[in-house]
Protein backbone atom coordinates (compact mmCIF):
# COMPACT_ATOMS: atom_id res chain seq x y z
CA MET A 1 57.54 164.35 70.52
CA GLU A 2 53.78 164.77 70.37
CA LYS A 3 51.94 162.31 68.10
CA LYS A 4 49.66 163.73 65.46
CA VAL A 5 46.05 162.64 65.64
CA VAL A 6 43.37 162.25 62.98
CA GLU A 7 39.61 161.88 62.99
CA VAL A 8 37.97 158.74 61.62
CA VAL A 9 34.49 159.08 60.14
CA ALA A 10 31.91 157.12 58.19
CA GLU A 11 29.70 158.63 55.52
CA GLY A 12 26.00 158.00 56.04
CA GLU A 13 22.81 159.12 54.39
CA GLU A 14 22.75 162.18 56.61
CA GLY A 15 26.39 163.13 56.07
CA ILE A 16 29.59 162.50 57.97
CA ILE A 17 29.34 160.45 61.17
CA PRO A 18 32.30 160.97 63.55
CA LEU A 19 33.62 157.68 64.94
CA GLY A 20 36.69 158.74 66.89
CA ILE A 21 40.15 160.23 67.14
CA MET A 22 43.33 158.14 66.83
CA ASN A 23 47.01 158.64 66.22
CA ILE A 24 48.52 158.16 62.76
CA GLU A 25 50.00 154.76 63.59
CA GLN A 26 46.57 153.46 64.60
CA ALA A 27 44.95 154.95 61.49
CA MET A 28 47.51 153.16 59.31
CA THR A 29 46.09 149.82 60.51
CA LEU A 30 42.47 150.48 59.54
CA PRO A 31 41.17 147.99 56.98
CA SER A 32 40.58 149.15 53.42
CA HIS A 33 37.45 147.04 52.94
CA VAL A 34 35.48 149.10 55.48
CA ASP A 35 33.99 152.35 54.19
CA LEU A 36 35.82 154.77 56.50
CA LYS A 37 37.47 158.12 55.91
CA ILE A 38 40.46 159.59 57.75
CA SER A 39 41.00 163.32 58.18
CA HIS A 40 44.09 164.90 56.69
CA PRO A 41 46.73 164.98 59.47
CA GLU A 42 47.73 168.55 58.69
CA ASP A 43 44.21 169.72 59.58
CA GLU A 44 42.55 169.94 62.98
CA PRO A 45 40.69 166.68 63.81
CA GLY A 46 36.98 167.41 63.98
CA GLY A 47 37.43 170.69 62.13
CA THR A 48 38.21 169.69 58.57
CA GLU A 49 36.44 168.54 55.47
CA ARG A 50 39.55 166.97 53.91
CA PHE A 51 39.32 163.19 54.22
CA MET A 52 40.91 160.20 52.50
CA ASP A 53 40.21 156.48 52.49
CA PRO A 54 42.49 154.15 54.52
CA GLU A 55 44.47 152.92 51.49
CA GLU A 56 45.18 156.46 50.26
CA PHE A 57 46.13 157.43 53.81
CA ARG A 58 48.63 154.56 54.08
CA ILE A 59 50.22 155.35 50.73
CA THR A 60 50.47 159.06 51.56
CA HIS A 61 51.85 158.65 55.08
CA ALA A 62 53.98 155.49 55.01
CA TYR A 63 57.09 157.40 53.97
CA SER A 64 56.65 160.19 56.52
CA LEU A 65 56.38 157.64 59.36
CA SER A 66 59.52 155.82 58.24
CA THR A 67 61.55 159.05 58.30
CA GLU A 68 60.47 160.35 61.72
CA VAL A 69 63.24 160.62 64.29
């Protein structure tokens, strides 16, 4: 089964700064105290404007990871 990937970005004075691509499991471990945003996993990484902070991402995706086969 192919792992879904997301884009991780920071927001700067000049807009969104791409930091990298990682799988969902890696994104779940990002700290909440750092000002990062994670792309919505249903969108194409690098091609979306839908982002959420790490805490929101964990809450939204914890259940879906626990039910994967």
